[in-house]
PDB file of N, CA and C in Angstrom:
ATOM      1  N   UNK A   1     -25.115   4.741   5.437  1.00  0.00           N
ATOM      2  CA  UNK A   1     -26.012   3.604   5.626  1.00  0.00           C
ATOM      3  C   UNK A   1     -25.740   2.992   6.994  1.00  0.00           C
ATOM      4  N   UNK A   2     -26.808   2.736   7.716  1.00  0.00           N
ATOM      5  CA  UNK A   2     -26.732   2.131   9.047  1.00  0.00           C
ATOM      6  C   UNK A   2     -27.305   0.723   8.976  1.00  0.00           C
ATOM      7  N   UNK A   3     -26.596  -0.216   9.571  1.00  0.00           N
ATOM      8  CA  UNK A   3     -27.098  -1.581   9.711  1.00  0.00           C
ATOM      9  C   UNK A   3     -27.665  -1.706  11.118  1.00  0.00           C
ATOM     10  N   UNK A   4     -28.956  -1.975  11.212  1.00  0.00           N
ATOM     11  CA  UNK A   4     -29.647  -2.156  12.483  1.00  0.00           C
ATOM     12  C   UNK A   4     -29.948  -3.633  12.661  1.00  0.00           C
ATOM     13  N   UNK A   5     -29.465  -4.194  13.770  1.00  0.00           N
ATOM     14  CA  UNK A   5     -29.667  -5.613  14.063  1.00  0.00           C
ATOM     15  C   UNK A   5     -30.472  -5.708  15.348  1.00  0.00           C
ATOM     16  N   UNK A   6     -31.730  -6.069  15.213  1.00  0.00           N
ATOM     17  CA  UNK A   6     -32.648  -6.113  16.361  1.00  0.00           C
ATOM     18  C   UNK A   6     -33.724  -7.149  16.080  1.00  0.00           C
ATOM     19  N   UNK A   7     -33.927  -8.082  17.007  1.00  0.00           N
ATOM     20  CA  UNK A   7     -34.922  -9.122  16.805  1.00  0.00           C
ATOM     21  C   UNK A   7     -36.323  -8.723  17.264  1.00  0.00           C
ATOM     22  N   UNK A   8     -36.429  -7.783  18.174  1.00  0.00           N
ATOM     23  CA  UNK A   8     -37.742  -7.370  18.671  1.00  0.00           C
ATOM     24  C   UNK A   8     -38.392  -6.415  17.663  1.00  0.00           C
ATOM     25  N   UNK A   9     -39.546  -6.804  17.147  1.00  0.00           N
ATOM     26  CA  UNK A   9     -40.203  -6.038  16.083  1.00  0.00           C
ATOM     27  C   UNK A   9     -40.540  -4.610  16.509  1.00  0.00           C
ATOM     28  N   UNK A  10     -41.049  -4.436  17.715  1.00  0.00           N
ATOM     29  CA  UNK A  10     -41.416  -3.105  18.189  1.00  0.00           C
ATOM     30  C   UNK A  10     -40.186  -2.201  18.323  1.00  0.00           C
ATOM     31  N   UNK A  11     -39.150  -2.704  18.981  1.00  0.00           N
ATOM     32  CA  UNK A  11     -37.920  -1.925  19.162  1.00  0.00           C
ATOM     33  C   UNK A  11     -37.299  -1.616  17.799  1.00  0.00           C
ATOM     34  N   UNK A  12     -37.246  -2.625  16.938  1.00  0.00           N
ATOM     35  CA  UNK A  12     -36.685  -2.448  15.597  1.00  0.00           C
ATOM     36  C   UNK A  12     -37.407  -1.332  14.861  1.00  0.00           C
ATOM     37  N   UNK A  13     -38.726  -1.311  14.924  1.00  0.00           N
ATOM     38  CA  UNK A  13     -39.504  -0.290  14.239  1.00  0.00           C
ATOM     39  C   UNK A  13     -39.268   1.098  14.801  1.00  0.00           C
ATOM     40  N   UNK A  14     -39.227   1.222  16.125  1.00  0.00           N
ATOM     41  CA  UNK A  14     -39.006   2.524  16.757  1.00  0.00           C
ATOM     42  C   UNK A  14     -37.618   3.060  16.410  1.00  0.00           C
ATOM     43  N   UNK A  15     -36.611   2.205  16.518  1.00  0.00           N
ATOM     44  CA  UNK A  15     -35.243   2.648  16.223  1.00  0.00           C
ATOM     45  C   UNK A  15     -35.114   3.005  14.745  1.00  0.00           C
ATOM     46  N   UNK A  16     -35.619   2.162  13.865  1.00  0.00           N
ATOM     47  CA  UNK A  16     -35.559   2.455  12.422  1.00  0.00           C
ATOM     48  C   UNK A  16     -36.263   3.776  12.115  1.00  0.00           C
ATOM     49  N   UNK A  17     -37.457   3.961  12.639  1.00  0.00           N
ATOM     50  CA  UNK A  17     -38.201   5.194  12.391  1.00  0.00           C
ATOM     51  C   UNK A  17     -37.461   6.419  12.928  1.00  0.00           C
ATOM     52  N   UNK A  18     -36.865   6.288  14.106  1.00  0.00           N
ATOM     53  CA  UNK A  18     -36.097   7.390  14.697  1.00  0.00           C
ATOM     54  C   UNK A  18     -34.926   7.773  13.802  1.00  0.00           C
ATOM     55  N   UNK A  19     -34.203   6.785  13.335  1.00  0.00           N
ATOM     56  CA  UNK A  19     -33.033   7.043  12.491  1.00  0.00           C
ATOM     57  C   UNK A  19     -33.434   7.600  11.125  1.00  0.00           C
ATOM     58  N   UNK A  20     -34.470   7.032  10.544  1.00  0.00           N
ATOM     59  CA  UNK A  20     -34.916   7.518   9.236  1.00  0.00           C
ATOM     60  C   UNK A  20     -35.475   8.939   9.329  1.00  0.00           C
ATOM     61  N   UNK A  21     -36.094   9.289  10.449  1.00  0.00           N
ATOM     62  CA  UNK A  21     -36.594  10.652  10.649  1.00  0.00           C
ATOM     63  C   UNK A  21     -35.448  11.658  10.700  1.00  0.00           C
ATOM     64  N   UNK A  22     -34.254  11.187  11.077  1.00  0.00           N
ATOM     65  CA  UNK A  22     -33.062  12.036  11.101  1.00  0.00           C
ATOM     66  C   UNK A  22     -32.376  12.091   9.739  1.00  0.00           C
ATOM     67  N   UNK A  23     -32.904  11.324   8.779  1.00  0.00           N
ATOM     68  CA  UNK A  23     -32.363  11.364   7.418  1.00  0.00           C
ATOM     69  C   UNK A  23     -31.392  10.259   7.063  1.00  0.00           C
ATOM     70  N   UNK A  24     -31.198   9.290   7.938  1.00  0.00           N
ATOM     71  CA  UNK A  24     -30.263   8.214   7.658  1.00  0.00           C
ATOM     72  C   UNK A  24     -30.969   7.056   6.956  1.00  0.00           C
ATOM     73  N   UNK A  25     -30.260   6.384   6.079  1.00  0.00           N
ATOM     74  CA  UNK A  25     -30.740   5.163   5.444  1.00  0.00           C
ATOM     75  C   UNK A  25     -30.423   4.005   6.370  1.00  0.00           C
ATOM     76  N   UNK A  26     -31.381   3.106   6.529  1.00  0.00           N
ATOM     77  CA  UNK A  26     -31.243   2.009   7.478  1.00  0.00           C
ATOM     78  C   UNK A  26     -31.553   0.685   6.789  1.00  0.00           C
ATOM     79  N   UNK A  27     -30.660  -0.274   6.955  1.00  0.00           N
ATOM     80  CA  UNK A  27     -30.901  -1.658   6.558  1.00  0.00           C
ATOM     81  C   UNK A  27     -31.129  -2.440   7.836  1.00  0.00           C
ATOM     82  N   UNK A  28     -32.116  -3.318   7.837  1.00  0.00           N
ATOM     83  CA  UNK A  28     -32.499  -4.048   9.042  1.00  0.00           C
ATOM     84  C   UNK A  28     -32.191  -5.540   8.891  1.00  0.00           C
ATOM     85  N   UNK A  29     -31.643  -6.120   9.948  1.00  0.00           N
ATOM     86  CA  UNK A  29     -31.493  -7.571  10.070  1.00  0.00           C
ATOM     87  C   UNK A  29     -32.196  -7.982  11.357  1.00  0.00           C
ATOM     88  N   UNK A  30     -32.922  -9.086  11.286  1.00  0.00           N
ATOM     89  CA  UNK A  30     -33.712  -9.534  12.430  1.00  0.00           C
ATOM     90  C   UNK A  30     -32.977 -10.538  13.313  1.00  0.00           C
ATOM     91  N   UNK A  31     -31.814 -11.018  12.867  1.00  0.00           N
ATOM     92  CA  UNK A  31     -31.077 -11.982  13.677  1.00  0.00           C
ATOM     93  C   UNK A  31     -29.587 -11.905  13.377  1.00  0.00           C
ATOM     94  N   UNK A  32     -28.814 -12.552  14.214  1.00  0.00           N
ATOM     95  CA  UNK A  32     -27.364 -12.503  14.096  1.00  0.00           C
ATOM     96  C   UNK A  32     -26.823 -13.134  12.835  1.00  0.00           C
ATOM     97  N   UNK A  33     -27.419 -14.221  12.370  1.00  0.00           N
ATOM     98  CA  UNK A  33     -26.934 -14.886  11.156  1.00  0.00           C
ATOM     99  C   UNK A  33     -27.080 -13.977   9.942  1.00  0.00           C
ATOM    100  N   UNK A  34     -28.222 -13.306   9.830  1.00  0.00           N
ATOM    101  CA  UNK A  34     -28.430 -12.377   8.716  1.00  0.00           C
ATOM    102  C   UNK A  34     -27.446 -11.214   8.806  1.00  0.00           C
ATOM    103  N   UNK A  35     -27.196 -10.725  10.010  1.00  0.00           N
ATOM    104  CA  UNK A  35     -26.253  -9.623  10.198  1.00  0.00           C
ATOM    105  C   UNK A  35     -24.835 -10.051   9.840  1.00  0.00           C
ATOM    106  N   UNK A  36     -24.442 -11.251  10.227  1.00  0.00           N
ATOM    107  CA  UNK A  36     -23.114 -11.751   9.862  1.00  0.00           C
ATOM    108  C   UNK A  36     -22.956 -11.818   8.351  1.00  0.00           C
ATOM    109  N   UNK A  37     -23.982 -12.298   7.666  1.00  0.00           N
ATOM    110  CA  UNK A  37     -23.932 -12.349   6.205  1.00  0.00           C
ATOM    111  C   UNK A  37     -23.789 -10.947   5.613  1.00  0.00           C
ATOM    112  N   UNK A  38     -24.497  -9.978   6.180  1.00  0.00           N
ATOM    113  CA  UNK A  38     -24.415  -8.594   5.697  1.00  0.00           C
ATOM    114  C   UNK A  38     -23.017  -8.015   5.887  1.00  0.00           C
ATOM    115  N   UNK A  39     -22.448  -8.168   7.073  1.00  0.00           N
ATOM    116  CA  UNK A  39     -21.147  -7.557   7.333  1.00  0.00           C
ATOM    117  C   UNK A  39     -20.035  -8.248   6.556  1.00  0.00           C
ATOM    118  N   UNK A  40     -20.199  -9.526   6.257  1.00  0.00           N
ATOM    119  CA  UNK A  40     -19.201 -10.230   5.457  1.00  0.00           C
ATOM    120  C   UNK A  40     -19.273  -9.831   3.990  1.00  0.00           C
ATOM    121  N   UNK A  41     -20.392  -9.262   3.567  1.00  0.00           N
ATOM    122  CA  UNK A  41     -20.570  -8.820   2.189  1.00  0.00           C
ATOM    123  C   UNK A  41     -19.884  -7.492   1.932  1.00  0.00           C
ATOM    124  N   UNK A  42     -20.122  -6.966   0.761  1.00  0.00           N
ATOM    125  CA  UNK A  42     -19.450  -5.739   0.339  1.00  0.00           C
ATOM    126  C   UNK A  42     -20.312  -4.488   0.499  1.00  0.00           C
ATOM    127  N   UNK A  43     -21.543  -4.622   1.023  1.00  0.00           N
ATOM    128  CA  UNK A  43     -22.397  -3.461   1.212  1.00  0.00           C
ATOM    129  C   UNK A  43     -21.730  -2.425   2.100  1.00  0.00           C
ATOM    130  N   UNK A  44     -22.026  -1.165   1.847  1.00  0.00           N
ATOM    131  CA  UNK A  44     -21.406  -0.084   2.615  1.00  0.00           C
ATOM    132  C   UNK A  44     -22.244   0.204   3.862  1.00  0.00           C
ATOM    133  N   UNK A  45     -21.613   0.094   5.014  1.00  0.00           N
ATOM    134  CA  UNK A  45     -22.253   0.449   6.278  1.00  0.00           C
ATOM    135  C   UNK A  45     -21.334   1.398   7.027  1.00  0.00           C
ATOM    136  N   UNK A  46     -21.872   2.562   7.382  1.00  0.00           N
ATOM    137  CA  UNK A  46     -21.107   3.565   8.112  1.00  0.00           C
ATOM    138  C   UNK A  46     -21.173   3.349   9.617  1.00  0.00           C
ATOM    139  N   UNK A  47     -22.169   2.563  10.053  1.00  0.00           N
ATOM    140  CA  UNK A  47     -22.406   2.345  11.472  1.00  0.00           C
ATOM    141  C   UNK A  47     -23.253   1.091  11.634  1.00  0.00           C
ATOM    142  N   UNK A  48     -22.996   0.356  12.707  1.00  0.00           N
ATOM    143  CA  UNK A  48     -23.793  -0.829  13.033  1.00  0.00           C
ATOM    144  C   UNK A  48     -24.388  -0.618  14.421  1.00  0.00           C
ATOM    145  N   UNK A  49     -25.697  -0.821  14.522  1.00  0.00           N
ATOM    146  CA  UNK A  49     -26.388  -0.783  15.817  1.00  0.00           C
ATOM    147  C   UNK A  49     -26.933  -2.181  16.050  1.00  0.00           C
ATOM    148  N   UNK A  50     -26.613  -2.745  17.196  1.00  0.00           N
ATOM    149  CA  UNK A  50     -27.031  -4.116  17.454  1.00  0.00           C
ATOM    150  C   UNK A  50     -27.541  -4.306  18.876  1.00  0.00           C
ATOM    151  N   UNK A  51     -28.440  -5.228  19.014  1.00  0.00           N
ATOM    152  CA  UNK A  51     -28.906  -5.680  20.313  1.00  0.00           C
ATOM    153  C   UNK A  51     -27.866  -6.658  20.856  1.00  0.00           C
ATOM    154  N   UNK A  52     -27.963  -6.989  22.132  1.00  0.00           N
ATOM    155  CA  UNK A  52     -27.026  -7.943  22.719  1.00  0.00           C
ATOM    156  C   UNK A  52     -27.463  -9.381  22.476  1.00  0.00           C
ATOM    157  N   UNK A  53     -28.691  -9.689  22.760  1.00  0.00           N
ATOM    158  CA  UNK A  53     -29.163 -11.059  22.636  1.00  0.00           C
ATOM    159  C   UNK A  53     -29.907 -11.219  21.322  1.00  0.00           C
ATOM    160  N   UNK A  54     -29.278 -11.925  20.393  1.00  0.00           N
ATOM    161  CA  UNK A  54     -29.838 -12.110  19.060  1.00  0.00           C
ATOM    162  C   UNK A  54     -30.022 -13.590  18.757  1.00  0.00           C
ATOM    163  N   UNK A  55     -31.079 -13.928  18.044  1.00  0.00           N
ATOM    164  CA  UNK A  55     -31.200 -15.310  17.565  1.00  0.00           C
ATOM    165  C   UNK A  55     -30.082 -15.608  16.563  1.00  0.00           C
ATOM    166  N   UNK A  56     -29.548 -16.775  16.559  1.00  0.00           N
ATOM    167  CA  UNK A  56     -28.575 -17.319  15.608  1.00  0.00           C
ATOM    168  C   UNK A  56     -27.128 -16.907  15.831  1.00  0.00           C
ATOM    169  N   UNK A  57     -26.872 -15.779  16.427  1.00  0.00           N
ATOM    170  CA  UNK A  57     -25.504 -15.341  16.724  1.00  0.00           C
ATOM    171  C   UNK A  57     -25.631 -14.168  17.678  1.00  0.00           C
ATOM    172  N   UNK A  58     -24.802 -14.146  18.712  1.00  0.00           N
ATOM    173  CA  UNK A  58     -24.942 -13.042  19.656  1.00  0.00           C
ATOM    174  C   UNK A  58     -24.113 -11.835  19.228  1.00  0.00           C
ATOM    175  N   UNK A  59     -24.304 -10.748  19.929  1.00  0.00           N
ATOM    176  CA  UNK A  59     -23.637  -9.495  19.623  1.00  0.00           C
ATOM    177  C   UNK A  59     -22.134  -9.611  19.697  1.00  0.00           C
ATOM    178  N   UNK A  60     -21.630 -10.376  20.644  1.00  0.00           N
ATOM    179  CA  UNK A  60     -20.190 -10.530  20.791  1.00  0.00           C
ATOM    180  C   UNK A  60     -19.617 -11.172  19.533  1.00  0.00           C
ATOM    181  N   UNK A  61     -20.258 -12.205  19.057  1.00  0.00           N
ATOM    182  CA  UNK A  61     -19.826 -12.872  17.829  1.00  0.00           C
ATOM    183  C   UNK A  61     -19.865 -11.905  16.646  1.00  0.00           C
ATOM    184  N   UNK A  62     -20.920 -11.113  16.571  1.00  0.00           N
ATOM    185  CA  UNK A  62     -21.059 -10.133  15.492  1.00  0.00           C
ATOM    186  C   UNK A  62     -19.968  -9.063  15.591  1.00  0.00           C
ATOM    187  N   UNK A  63     -19.753  -8.510  16.776  1.00  0.00           N
ATOM    188  CA  UNK A  63     -18.729  -7.479  16.951  1.00  0.00           C
ATOM    189  C   UNK A  63     -17.343  -8.019  16.608  1.00  0.00           C
ATOM    190  N   UNK A  64     -17.044  -9.209  17.035  1.00  0.00           N
ATOM    191  CA  UNK A  64     -15.733  -9.802  16.727  1.00  0.00           C
ATOM    192  C   UNK A  64     -15.581 -10.049  15.238  1.00  0.00           C
ATOM    193  N   UNK A  65     -16.649 -10.460  14.583  1.00  0.00           N
ATOM    194  CA  UNK A  65     -16.599 -10.657  13.128  1.00  0.00           C
ATOM    195  C   UNK A  65     -16.324  -9.336  12.426  1.00  0.00           C
ATOM    196  N   UNK A  66     -17.020  -8.279  12.844  1.00  0.00           N
ATOM    197  CA  UNK A  66     -16.816  -6.956  12.242  1.00  0.00           C
ATOM    198  C   UNK A  66     -15.368  -6.523  12.426  1.00  0.00           C
ATOM    199  N   UNK A  67     -14.849  -6.654  13.628  1.00  0.00           N
ATOM    200  CA  UNK A  67     -13.476  -6.223  13.910  1.00  0.00           C
ATOM    201  C   UNK A  67     -12.436  -7.077  13.186  1.00  0.00           C
ATOM    202  N   UNK A  68     -12.817  -8.290  12.811  1.00  0.00           N
ATOM    203  CA  UNK A  68     -11.898  -9.179  12.106  1.00  0.00           C
ATOM    204  C   UNK A  68     -11.904  -9.013  10.592  1.00  0.00           C
ATOM    205  N   UNK A  69     -12.798  -8.211  10.062  1.00  0.00           N
ATOM    206  CA  UNK A  69     -12.891  -8.008   8.618  1.00  0.00           C
ATOM    207  C   UNK A  69     -12.180  -6.718   8.232  1.00  0.00           C
ATOM    208  N   UNK A  70     -11.253  -6.824   7.308  1.00  0.00           N
ATOM    209  CA  UNK A  70     -10.450  -5.662   6.917  1.00  0.00           C
ATOM    210  C   UNK A  70     -11.330  -4.477   6.507  1.00  0.00           C
ATOM    211  N   UNK A  71     -12.385  -4.741   5.756  1.00  0.00           N
ATOM    212  CA  UNK A  71     -13.227  -3.645   5.257  1.00  0.00           C
ATOM    213  C   UNK A  71     -14.240  -3.140   6.281  1.00  0.00           C
ATOM    214  N   UNK A  72     -14.249  -3.704   7.488  1.00  0.00           N
ATOM    215  CA  UNK A  72     -15.179  -3.273   8.534  1.00  0.00           C
ATOM    216  C   UNK A  72     -14.492  -2.837   9.829  1.00  0.00           C
ATOM    217  N   UNK A  73     -13.205  -3.014   9.952  1.00  0.00           N
ATOM    218  CA  UNK A  73     -12.512  -2.761  11.225  1.00  0.00           C
ATOM    219  C   UNK A  73     -12.814  -1.395  11.824  1.00  0.00           C
ATOM    220  N   UNK A  74     -12.929  -0.386  10.985  1.00  0.00           N
ATOM    221  CA  UNK A  74     -13.164   0.959  11.489  1.00  0.00           C
ATOM    222  C   UNK A  74     -14.627   1.335  11.610  1.00  0.00           C
ATOM    223  N   UNK A  75     -15.532   0.416  11.311  1.00  0.00           N
ATOM    224  CA  UNK A  75     -16.960   0.706  11.377  1.00  0.00           C
ATOM    225  C   UNK A  75     -17.400   0.808  12.838  1.00  0.00           C
ATOM    226  N   UNK A  76     -17.956   1.946  13.244  1.00  0.00           N
ATOM    227  CA  UNK A  76     -18.425   2.067  14.627  1.00  0.00           C
ATOM    228  C   UNK A  76     -19.585   1.111  14.913  1.00  0.00           C
ATOM    229  N   UNK A  77     -19.590   0.582  16.120  1.00  0.00           N
ATOM    230  CA  UNK A  77     -20.660  -0.314  16.573  1.00  0.00           C
ATOM    231  C   UNK A  77     -21.267   0.274  17.843  1.00  0.00           C
ATOM    232  N   UNK A  78     -22.585   0.423  17.825  1.00  0.00           N
ATOM    233  CA  UNK A  78     -23.331   0.831  19.011  1.00  0.00           C
ATOM    234  C   UNK A  78     -24.172  -0.363  19.444  1.00  0.00           C
ATOM    235  N   UNK A  79     -24.042  -0.745  20.697  1.00  0.00           N
ATOM    236  CA  UNK A  79     -24.908  -1.794  21.220  1.00  0.00           C
ATOM    237  C   UNK A  79     -25.990  -1.139  22.061  1.00  0.00           C
ATOM    238  N   UNK A  80     -27.211  -1.556  21.809  1.00  0.00           N
ATOM    239  CA  UNK A  80     -28.389  -1.009  22.464  1.00  0.00           C
ATOM    240  C   UNK A  80     -29.077  -2.172  23.142  1.00  0.00           C
ATOM    241  N   UNK A  81     -28.994  -2.253  24.467  1.00  0.00           N
ATOM    242  CA  UNK A  81     -29.475  -3.456  25.140  1.00  0.00           C
ATOM    243  C   UNK A  81     -30.036  -3.167  26.527  1.00  0.00           C
ATOM    244  N   UNK A  82     -30.974  -3.981  26.948  1.00  0.00           N
ATOM    245  CA  UNK A  82     -31.519  -3.909  28.300  1.00  0.00           C
ATOM    246  C   UNK A  82     -30.650  -4.705  29.281  1.00  0.00           C
ATOM    247  N   UNK A  83     -29.741  -5.511  28.760  1.00  0.00           N
ATOM    248  CA  UNK A  83     -28.864  -6.327  29.600  1.00  0.00           C
ATOM    249  C   UNK A  83     -27.723  -5.500  30.180  1.00  0.00           C
ATOM    250  N   UNK A  84     -27.234  -5.921  31.327  1.00  0.00           N
ATOM    251  CA  UNK A  84     -26.107  -5.247  31.981  1.00  0.00           C
ATOM    252  C   UNK A  84     -24.803  -5.899  31.513  1.00  0.00           C
ATOM    253  N   UNK A  85     -24.413  -5.620  30.285  1.00  0.00           N
ATOM    254  CA  UNK A  85     -23.259  -6.299  29.694  1.00  0.00           C
ATOM    255  C   UNK A  85     -22.282  -5.315  29.042  1.00  0.00           C
ATOM    256  N   UNK A  86     -22.243  -4.090  29.530  1.00  0.00           N
ATOM    257  CA  UNK A  86     -21.414  -3.077  28.885  1.00  0.00           C
ATOM    258  C   UNK A  86     -19.945  -3.488  28.803  1.00  0.00           C
ATOM    259  N   UNK A  87     -19.365  -3.975  29.876  1.00  0.00           N
ATOM    260  CA  UNK A  87     -17.948  -4.351  29.866  1.00  0.00           C
ATOM    261  C   UNK A  87     -17.693  -5.468  28.855  1.00  0.00           C
ATOM    262  N   UNK A  88     -18.576  -6.432  28.821  1.00  0.00           N
ATOM    263  CA  UNK A  88     -18.464  -7.550  27.884  1.00  0.00           C
ATOM    264  C   UNK A  88     -18.551  -7.047  26.439  1.00  0.00           C
ATOM    265  N   UNK A  89     -19.473  -6.123  26.192  1.00  0.00           N
ATOM    266  CA  UNK A  89     -19.655  -5.563  24.856  1.00  0.00           C
ATOM    267  C   UNK A  89     -18.426  -4.768  24.420  1.00  0.00           C
ATOM    268  N   UNK A  90     -17.910  -3.949  25.313  1.00  0.00           N
ATOM    269  CA  UNK A  90     -16.725  -3.140  24.973  1.00  0.00           C
ATOM    270  C   UNK A  90     -15.507  -4.032  24.700  1.00  0.00           C
ATOM    271  N   UNK A  91     -15.380  -5.117  25.452  1.00  0.00           N
ATOM    272  CA  UNK A  91     -14.267  -6.044  25.232  1.00  0.00           C
ATOM    273  C   UNK A  91     -14.352  -6.695  23.849  1.00  0.00           C
ATOM    274  N   UNK A  92     -15.555  -6.824  23.317  1.00  0.00           N
ATOM    275  CA  UNK A  92     -15.751  -7.425  21.993  1.00  0.00           C
ATOM    276  C   UNK A  92     -15.528  -6.418  20.870  1.00  0.00           C
ATOM    277  N   UNK A  93     -15.393  -5.123  21.212  1.00  0.00           N
ATOM    278  CA  UNK A  93     -15.123  -4.129  20.186  1.00  0.00           C
ATOM    279  C   UNK A  93     -16.210  -3.113  19.947  1.00  0.00           C
ATOM    280  N   UNK A  94     -17.226  -3.089  20.809  1.00  0.00           N
ATOM    281  CA  UNK A  94     -18.309  -2.121  20.675  1.00  0.00           C
ATOM    282  C   UNK A  94     -17.804  -0.731  21.075  1.00  0.00           C
ATOM    283  N   UNK A  95     -18.139   0.281  20.289  1.00  0.00           N
ATOM    284  CA  UNK A  95     -17.696   1.648  20.563  1.00  0.00           C
ATOM    285  C   UNK A  95     -18.536   2.348  21.626  1.00  0.00           C
ATOM    286  N   UNK A  96     -19.831   2.066  21.629  1.00  0.00           N
ATOM    287  CA  UNK A  96     -20.741   2.739  22.548  1.00  0.00           C
ATOM    288  C   UNK A  96     -21.821   1.763  22.991  1.00  0.00           C
ATOM    289  N   UNK A  97     -22.128   1.811  24.280  1.00  0.00           N
ATOM    290  CA  UNK A  97     -23.176   0.973  24.849  1.00  0.00           C
ATOM    291  C   UNK A  97     -24.304   1.874  25.341  1.00  0.00           C
ATOM    292  N   UNK A  98     -25.508   1.638  24.872  1.00  0.00           N
ATOM    293  CA  UNK A  98     -26.688   2.377  25.330  1.00  0.00           C
ATOM    294  C   UNK A  98     -27.675   1.402  25.939  1.00  0.00           C
ATOM    295  N   UNK A  99     -28.334   1.832  27.018  1.00  0.00           N
ATOM    296  CA  UNK A  99     -29.325   0.981  27.694  1.00  0.00           C
ATOM    297  C   UNK A  99     -30.704   1.243  27.134  1.00  0.00           C
ATOM    298  N   UNK A 100     -31.446   0.177  26.913  1.00  0.00           N
ATOM    299  CA  UNK A 100     -32.839   0.375  26.552  1.00  0.00           C
ATOM    300  C   UNK A 100     -33.699   0.017  27.747  1.00  0.00           C
ATOM    301  N   UNK A 101     -34.740   0.739  27.924  1.00  0.00           N
ATOM    302  CA  UNK A 101     -35.281   1.797  27.064  1.00  0.00           C
ATOM    303  C   UNK A 101     -34.776   3.195  27.403  1.00  0.00           C
ATOM    304  N   UNK A 102     -34.078   3.363  28.540  1.00  0.00           N
ATOM    305  CA  UNK A 102     -33.795   4.710  29.027  1.00  0.00           C
ATOM    306  C   UNK A 102     -32.908   5.561  28.117  1.00  0.00           C
ATOM    307  N   UNK A 103     -32.065   4.960  27.290  1.00  0.00           N
ATOM    308  CA  UNK A 103     -31.176   5.741  26.429  1.00  0.00           C
ATOM    309  C   UNK A 103     -31.714   5.955  25.013  1.00  0.00           C
ATOM    310  N   UNK A 104     -32.951   5.579  24.746  1.00  0.00           N
ATOM    311  CA  UNK A 104     -33.505   5.751  23.393  1.00  0.00           C
ATOM    312  C   UNK A 104     -33.418   7.213  22.953  1.00  0.00           C
ATOM    313  N   UNK A 105     -33.569   8.150  23.884  1.00  0.00           N
ATOM    314  CA  UNK A 105     -33.487   9.565  23.552  1.00  0.00           C
ATOM    315  C   UNK A 105     -32.091  10.021  23.164  1.00  0.00           C
ATOM    316  N   UNK A 106     -31.080   9.256  23.518  1.00  0.00           N
ATOM    317  CA  UNK A 106     -29.689   9.580  23.173  1.00  0.00           C
ATOM    318  C   UNK A 106     -29.247   8.957  21.867  1.00  0.00           C
ATOM    319  N   UNK A 107     -30.058   8.073  21.310  1.00  0.00           N
ATOM    320  CA  UNK A 107     -29.622   7.298  20.153  1.00  0.00           C
ATOM    321  C   UNK A 107     -29.291   8.178  18.948  1.00  0.00           C
ATOM    322  N   UNK A 108     -30.186   9.076  18.551  1.00  0.00           N
ATOM    323  CA  UNK A 108     -29.946   9.899  17.364  1.00  0.00           C
ATOM    324  C   UNK A 108     -28.693  10.754  17.531  1.00  0.00           C
ATOM    325  N   UNK A 109     -28.504  11.369  18.703  1.00  0.00           N
ATOM    326  CA  UNK A 109     -27.297  12.175  18.937  1.00  0.00           C
ATOM    327  C   UNK A 109     -26.038  11.302  18.909  1.00  0.00           C
ATOM    328  N   UNK A 110     -26.130  10.118  19.466  1.00  0.00           N
ATOM    329  CA  UNK A 110     -24.974   9.210  19.479  1.00  0.00           C
ATOM    330  C   UNK A 110     -24.615   8.786  18.063  1.00  0.00           C
ATOM    331  N   UNK A 111     -25.606   8.476  17.265  1.00  0.00           N
ATOM    332  CA  UNK A 111     -25.374   8.106  15.872  1.00  0.00           C
ATOM    333  C   UNK A 111     -24.723   9.270  15.136  1.00  0.00           C
ATOM    334  N   UNK A 112     -25.253  10.450  15.314  1.00  0.00           N
ATOM    335  CA  UNK A 112     -24.719  11.645  14.666  1.00  0.00           C
ATOM    336  C   UNK A 112     -23.250  11.858  15.021  1.00  0.00           C
ATOM    337  N   UNK A 113     -22.920  11.717  16.282  1.00  0.00           N
ATOM    338  CA  UNK A 113     -21.513  11.870  16.720  1.00  0.00           C
ATOM    339  C   UNK A 113     -20.611  10.844  16.053  1.00  0.00           C
ATOM    340  N   UNK A 114     -21.064   9.595  15.973  1.00  0.00           N
ATOM    341  CA  UNK A 114     -20.247   8.543  15.381  1.00  0.00           C
ATOM    342  C   UNK A 114     -20.129   8.675  13.871  1.00  0.00           C
ATOM    343  N   UNK A 115     -21.078   9.366  13.267  1.00  0.00           N
ATOM    344  CA  UNK A 115     -21.022   9.565  11.820  1.00  0.00           C
ATOM    345  C   UNK A 115     -20.435  10.917  11.453  1.00  0.00           C
ATOM    346  N   UNK A 116     -19.896  11.620  12.446  1.00  0.00           N
ATOM    347  CA  UNK A 116     -19.218  12.869  12.181  1.00  0.00           C
ATOM    348  C   UNK A 116     -20.123  14.069  12.055  1.00  0.00           C
ATOM    349  N   UNK A 117     -21.358  13.936  12.518  1.00  0.00           N
ATOM    350  CA  UNK A 117     -22.297  15.047  12.391  1.00  0.00           C
ATOM    351  C   UNK A 117     -22.493  15.837  13.659  1.00  0.00           C
ATOM    352  N   UNK A 118     -21.713  15.614  14.685  1.00  0.00           N
ATOM    353  CA  UNK A 118     -21.944  16.373  15.904  1.00  0.00           C
ATOM    354  C   UNK A 118     -20.938  16.210  16.903  1.00  0.00           C
TER     355      UNK A 118
END
């Protein structure tokens, strides 16, 4: 199960459709507060994909929350953003930084690698 956190409806739909076409189950959160509630819960997530700029809580806050939870510490996080914040994202605990829109073609392969499929 993949948790996708993206506030832009178009991007969210494209990424969700891309991942589901590869056979992955995707849960979607439209803002940081909803994502924080999800990661604090007991739902199983094998991977988290998040945007950098989110309403209600930013990616850094989300990544730090994930890394601070015993049951989520090892969960890979991919940040997909148009912002030039890779160093900041990695410092917060993000495993992989992809740029949008140019890295959209790498997303499925990156997810597969992080989930042990490639």
